[in-house]
Amino acid sequence: MMRSGLLTLALLAFAVTSSAVAVVHVKYLTRVQFGQLQDLRARRDALDVEWNRLRLEEAALSTHLRVERKARDELGMFAPRVEDMLLIKEPVHGRP
């Protein structure tokens, strides 16, 4: 009986020790994952800031006034004069 009690006690001690080691290991893994999560959140925030900056820059570069000025100055384009326009009337379907 004494032997079975010692065996039970040793088995319980092993189970408690194994459980404690498993808890410590899981806690370590949780901290590692939490650190990675924080890094990803920081990266996401930095990308959000850059995205907003790029959207503002795009809006500034694509204003009608800027596009018109670039077309005129760099490409030599201009708005057509009235005498340069030709109006073509499309016949109504079924009538000449």
N, C-alpha and C. Protein backbone atom coordinates (compact mmCIF):
# COMPACT_ATOMS: atom_id res chain seq x y z
N MET A 1 0.82 -1.18 0.00
CA MET A 1 0.00 0.00 0.00
C MET A 1 0.87 1.25 0.00
N MET A 2 1.95 1.18 0.77
CA MET A 2 2.86 2.32 0.85
C MET A 2 3.47 2.60 -0.51
N ARG A 3 3.75 1.51 -1.21
CA ARG A 3 4.36 1.65 -2.52
C ARG A 3 3.38 2.29 -3.51
N SER A 4 2.13 1.93 -3.48
CA SER A 4 1.14 2.49 -4.38
C SER A 4 0.88 3.95 -4.04
N GLY A 5 0.96 4.34 -2.77
CA GLY A 5 0.81 5.73 -2.36
C GLY A 5 1.95 6.58 -2.88
N LEU A 6 3.18 6.05 -2.80
CA LEU A 6 4.34 6.78 -3.32
C LEU A 6 4.26 6.92 -4.84
N LEU A 7 3.78 5.87 -5.49
CA LEU A 7 3.64 5.92 -6.95
C LEU A 7 2.59 6.97 -7.34
N THR A 8 1.48 6.99 -6.61
CA THR A 8 0.45 7.99 -6.87
C THR A 8 0.98 9.39 -6.62
N LEU A 9 1.73 9.57 -5.52
CA LEU A 9 2.30 10.87 -5.20
C LEU A 9 3.29 11.31 -6.28
N ALA A 10 4.12 10.39 -6.75
CA ALA A 10 5.10 10.71 -7.79
C ALA A 10 4.38 11.07 -9.10
N LEU A 11 3.32 10.32 -9.40
CA LEU A 11 2.56 10.59 -10.60
C LEU A 11 1.89 11.96 -10.53
N LEU A 12 1.32 12.31 -9.37
CA LEU A 12 0.71 13.62 -9.18
C LEU A 12 1.75 14.74 -9.25
N ALA A 13 2.92 14.51 -8.67
CA ALA A 13 3.98 15.51 -8.72
C ALA A 13 4.43 15.74 -10.17
N PHE A 14 4.54 14.64 -10.91
CA PHE A 14 4.90 14.76 -12.32
C PHE A 14 3.83 15.52 -13.10
N ALA A 15 2.57 15.23 -12.83
CA ALA A 15 1.46 15.89 -13.53
C ALA A 15 1.45 17.39 -13.21
N VAL A 16 1.66 17.74 -11.94
CA VAL A 16 1.67 19.15 -11.55
C VAL A 16 2.85 19.87 -12.20
N THR A 17 4.02 19.24 -12.18
CA THR A 17 5.20 19.84 -12.79
C THR A 17 5.02 19.99 -14.30
N SER A 18 4.50 18.97 -14.93
CA SER A 18 4.26 19.04 -16.38
C SER A 18 3.25 20.14 -16.70
N SER A 19 2.21 20.23 -15.90
CA SER A 19 1.21 21.27 -16.10
C SER A 19 1.82 22.66 -15.94
N ALA A 20 2.67 22.83 -14.94
CA ALA A 20 3.32 24.13 -14.71
C ALA A 20 4.22 24.50 -15.88
N VAL A 21 4.98 23.54 -16.38
CA VAL A 21 5.85 23.80 -17.52
C VAL A 21 5.01 24.15 -18.75
N ALA A 22 3.90 23.45 -18.95
CA ALA A 22 3.03 23.74 -20.08
C ALA A 22 2.44 25.15 -19.97
N VAL A 23 2.05 25.56 -18.76
CA VAL A 23 1.51 26.91 -18.56
C VAL A 23 2.57 27.96 -18.89
N VAL A 24 3.79 27.74 -18.43
CA VAL A 24 4.87 28.69 -18.71
C VAL A 24 5.13 28.76 -20.21
N HIS A 25 5.14 27.61 -20.88
CA HIS A 25 5.38 27.59 -22.32
C HIS A 25 4.27 28.32 -23.08
N VAL A 26 3.03 28.07 -22.72
CA VAL A 26 1.91 28.73 -23.38
C VAL A 26 1.96 30.23 -23.13
N LYS A 27 2.31 30.63 -21.93
CA LYS A 27 2.43 32.06 -21.61
C LYS A 27 3.52 32.69 -22.49
N TYR A 28 4.63 32.01 -22.67
CA TYR A 28 5.70 32.50 -23.52
C TYR A 28 5.21 32.66 -24.97
N LEU A 29 4.53 31.63 -25.48
CA LEU A 29 4.02 31.71 -26.85
C LEU A 29 3.02 32.85 -27.00
N THR A 30 2.20 33.07 -25.97
CA THR A 30 1.23 34.16 -26.00
C THR A 30 1.94 35.51 -26.08
N ARG A 31 3.00 35.67 -25.33
CA ARG A 31 3.75 36.94 -25.36
C ARG A 31 4.41 37.16 -26.71
N VAL A 32 4.95 36.09 -27.29
CA VAL A 32 5.57 36.20 -28.61
C VAL A 32 4.51 36.62 -29.64
N GLN A 33 3.37 35.96 -29.61
CA GLN A 33 2.30 36.30 -30.55
C GLN A 33 1.78 37.72 -30.33
N PHE A 34 1.69 38.14 -29.08
CA PHE A 34 1.23 39.50 -28.79
C PHE A 34 2.23 40.53 -29.33
N GLY A 35 3.52 40.25 -29.19
CA GLY A 35 4.53 41.14 -29.75
C GLY A 35 4.40 41.25 -31.26
N GLN A 36 4.16 40.12 -31.93
CA GLN A 36 3.96 40.14 -33.38
C GLN A 36 2.70 40.92 -33.75
N LEU A 37 1.67 40.75 -32.94
CA LEU A 37 0.43 41.50 -33.19
C LEU A 37 0.66 43.00 -33.07
N GLN A 38 1.40 43.42 -32.07
CA GLN A 38 1.71 44.84 -31.90
C GLN A 38 2.51 45.37 -33.08
N ASP A 39 3.47 44.58 -33.55
CA ASP A 39 4.26 44.99 -34.72
C ASP A 39 3.38 45.14 -35.96
N LEU A 40 2.47 44.20 -36.15
CA LEU A 40 1.57 44.27 -37.30
C LEU A 40 0.63 45.46 -37.20
N ARG A 41 0.16 45.75 -36.00
CA ARG A 41 -0.70 46.93 -35.83
C ARG A 41 0.05 48.22 -36.13
N ALA A 42 1.30 48.29 -35.69
CA ALA A 42 2.11 49.48 -35.97
C ALA A 42 2.34 49.62 -37.47
N ARG A 43 2.59 48.51 -38.13
CA ARG A 43 2.80 48.54 -39.58
C ARG A 43 1.51 48.96 -40.29
N ARG A 44 0.37 48.43 -39.83
CA ARG A 44 -0.91 48.82 -40.41
C ARG A 44 -1.15 50.31 -40.26
N ASP A 45 -0.85 50.84 -39.07
CA ASP A 45 -1.06 52.27 -38.84
C ASP A 45 -0.15 53.11 -39.74
N ALA A 46 1.10 52.67 -39.91
CA ALA A 46 2.02 53.39 -40.79
C ALA A 46 1.52 53.34 -42.23
N LEU A 47 0.99 52.20 -42.66
CA LEU A 47 0.47 52.10 -44.02
C LEU A 47 -0.78 52.95 -44.19
N ASP A 48 -1.61 53.05 -43.16
CA ASP A 48 -2.79 53.92 -43.22
C ASP A 48 -2.37 55.38 -43.39
N VAL A 49 -1.35 55.79 -42.66
CA VAL A 49 -0.86 57.16 -42.76
C VAL A 49 -0.33 57.43 -44.17
N GLU A 50 0.45 56.48 -44.69
CA GLU A 50 1.00 56.65 -46.04
C GLU A 50 -0.12 56.66 -47.08
N TRP A 51 -1.13 55.80 -46.93
CA TRP A 51 -2.25 55.75 -47.86
C TRP A 51 -2.99 57.08 -47.88
N ASN A 52 -3.24 57.65 -46.70
CA ASN A 52 -3.92 58.94 -46.64
C ASN A 52 -3.09 60.05 -47.28
N ARG A 53 -1.78 60.00 -47.07
CA ARG A 53 -0.89 60.99 -47.68
C ARG A 53 -0.93 60.85 -49.21
N LEU A 54 -0.91 59.62 -49.70
CA LEU A 54 -0.95 59.40 -51.14
C LEU A 54 -2.29 59.82 -51.74
N ARG A 55 -3.38 59.62 -51.02
CA ARG A 55 -4.68 60.07 -51.51
C ARG A 55 -4.73 61.59 -51.61
N LEU A 56 -4.17 62.27 -50.61
CA LEU A 56 -4.11 63.73 -50.67
C LEU A 56 -3.26 64.20 -51.84
N GLU A 57 -2.12 63.53 -52.03
CA GLU A 57 -1.23 63.90 -53.13
C GLU A 57 -1.91 63.66 -54.47
N GLU A 58 -2.62 62.55 -54.60
CA GLU A 58 -3.34 62.26 -55.84
C GLU A 58 -4.41 63.33 -56.09
N ALA A 59 -5.13 63.70 -55.05
CA ALA A 59 -6.17 64.72 -55.21
C ALA A 59 -5.56 66.04 -55.65
N ALA A 60 -4.40 66.38 -55.09
CA ALA A 60 -3.75 67.64 -55.45
C ALA A 60 -3.22 67.60 -56.88
N LEU A 61 -2.71 66.43 -57.30
CA LEU A 61 -2.13 66.33 -58.65
C LEU A 61 -3.19 66.19 -59.74
N SER A 62 -4.39 65.82 -59.38
CA SER A 62 -5.40 65.57 -60.41
C SER A 62 -6.50 66.63 -60.44
N THR A 63 -6.24 67.80 -59.88
CA THR A 63 -7.24 68.86 -59.98
C THR A 63 -7.37 69.29 -61.44
N HIS A 64 -8.55 69.74 -61.81
CA HIS A 64 -8.81 70.13 -63.20
C HIS A 64 -7.88 71.27 -63.64
N LEU A 65 -7.67 72.21 -62.76
CA LEU A 65 -6.82 73.34 -63.09
C LEU A 65 -5.39 72.88 -63.38
N ARG A 66 -4.86 71.98 -62.57
CA ARG A 66 -3.49 71.50 -62.77
C ARG A 66 -3.37 70.69 -64.05
N VAL A 67 -4.36 69.82 -64.30
CA VAL A 67 -4.33 69.01 -65.52
C VAL A 67 -4.42 69.91 -66.75
N GLU A 68 -5.28 70.91 -66.70
CA GLU A 68 -5.42 71.83 -67.83
C GLU A 68 -4.13 72.61 -68.05
N ARG A 69 -3.50 73.08 -66.98
CA ARG A 69 -2.25 73.83 -67.10
C ARG A 69 -1.15 72.95 -67.68
N LYS A 70 -1.06 71.70 -67.22
CA LYS A 70 -0.04 70.78 -67.74
C LYS A 70 -0.28 70.50 -69.23
N ALA A 71 -1.57 70.30 -69.60
CA ALA A 71 -1.88 70.03 -71.01
C ALA A 71 -1.49 71.22 -71.87
N ARG A 72 -1.74 72.40 -71.39
CA ARG A 72 -1.43 73.61 -72.16
C ARG A 72 0.08 73.83 -72.22
N ASP A 73 0.76 73.79 -71.08
CA ASP A 73 2.18 74.15 -71.02
C ASP A 73 3.09 73.07 -71.56
N GLU A 74 2.86 71.82 -71.18
CA GLU A 74 3.79 70.75 -71.54
C GLU A 74 3.44 70.06 -72.86
N LEU A 75 2.15 69.98 -73.16
CA LEU A 75 1.74 69.26 -74.36
C LEU A 75 1.30 70.18 -75.50
N GLY A 76 1.22 71.46 -75.21
CA GLY A 76 0.82 72.40 -76.25
C GLY A 76 -0.64 72.27 -76.65
N MET A 77 -1.46 71.74 -75.78
CA MET A 77 -2.88 71.58 -76.09
C MET A 77 -3.63 72.88 -75.80
N PHE A 78 -4.77 73.03 -76.42
CA PHE A 78 -5.59 74.22 -76.17
C PHE A 78 -7.05 73.85 -76.40
N ALA A 79 -7.93 74.66 -75.86
CA ALA A 79 -9.37 74.45 -76.08
C ALA A 79 -9.69 74.87 -77.50
N PRO A 80 -10.47 74.08 -78.22
CA PRO A 80 -10.76 74.43 -79.61
C PRO A 80 -11.62 75.69 -79.69
N ARG A 81 -11.37 76.46 -80.76
CA ARG A 81 -12.18 77.64 -81.01
C ARG A 81 -13.48 77.21 -81.67
N VAL A 82 -14.44 78.09 -81.66
CA VAL A 82 -15.75 77.76 -82.24
C VAL A 82 -15.61 77.44 -83.71
N GLU A 83 -14.78 78.20 -84.42
CA GLU A 83 -14.62 77.95 -85.86
C GLU A 83 -13.87 76.64 -86.16
N ASP A 84 -13.19 76.08 -85.15
CA ASP A 84 -12.50 74.80 -85.34
C ASP A 84 -13.43 73.60 -85.11
N MET A 85 -14.62 73.86 -84.62
CA MET A 85 -15.55 72.77 -84.31
C MET A 85 -16.45 72.49 -85.50
N LEU A 86 -16.79 71.23 -85.68
CA LEU A 86 -17.67 70.80 -86.74
C LEU A 86 -18.77 69.98 -86.10
N LEU A 87 -20.01 70.39 -86.26
CA LEU A 87 -21.14 69.71 -85.67
C LEU A 87 -21.71 68.74 -86.70
N ILE A 88 -21.78 67.49 -86.33
CA ILE A 88 -22.31 66.45 -87.22
C ILE A 88 -23.59 65.95 -86.60
N LYS A 89 -24.65 66.07 -87.36
CA LYS A 89 -25.95 65.61 -86.87
C LYS A 89 -26.14 64.17 -87.33
N GLU A 90 -26.50 63.34 -86.40
CA GLU A 90 -26.76 61.94 -86.72
C GLU A 90 -28.22 61.82 -87.10
N PRO A 91 -28.52 61.15 -88.21
CA PRO A 91 -29.92 61.04 -88.61
C PRO A 91 -30.69 60.22 -87.59
N VAL A 92 -31.93 60.61 -87.39
CA VAL A 92 -32.79 59.89 -86.46
C VAL A 92 -33.10 58.54 -87.09
N HIS A 93 -33.12 57.51 -86.29
CA HIS A 93 -33.34 56.15 -86.78
C HIS A 93 -34.69 56.07 -87.51
N GLY A 94 -34.65 55.62 -88.77
CA GLY A 94 -35.87 55.48 -89.54
C GLY A 94 -36.14 56.67 -90.44
N ARG A 95 -35.41 57.77 -90.26
CA ARG A 95 -35.59 58.95 -91.10
C ARG A 95 -34.24 59.34 -91.69
N PRO A 96 -34.25 59.79 -92.94
CA PRO A 96 -32.96 60.15 -93.57
C PRO A 96 -32.39 61.43 -93.04
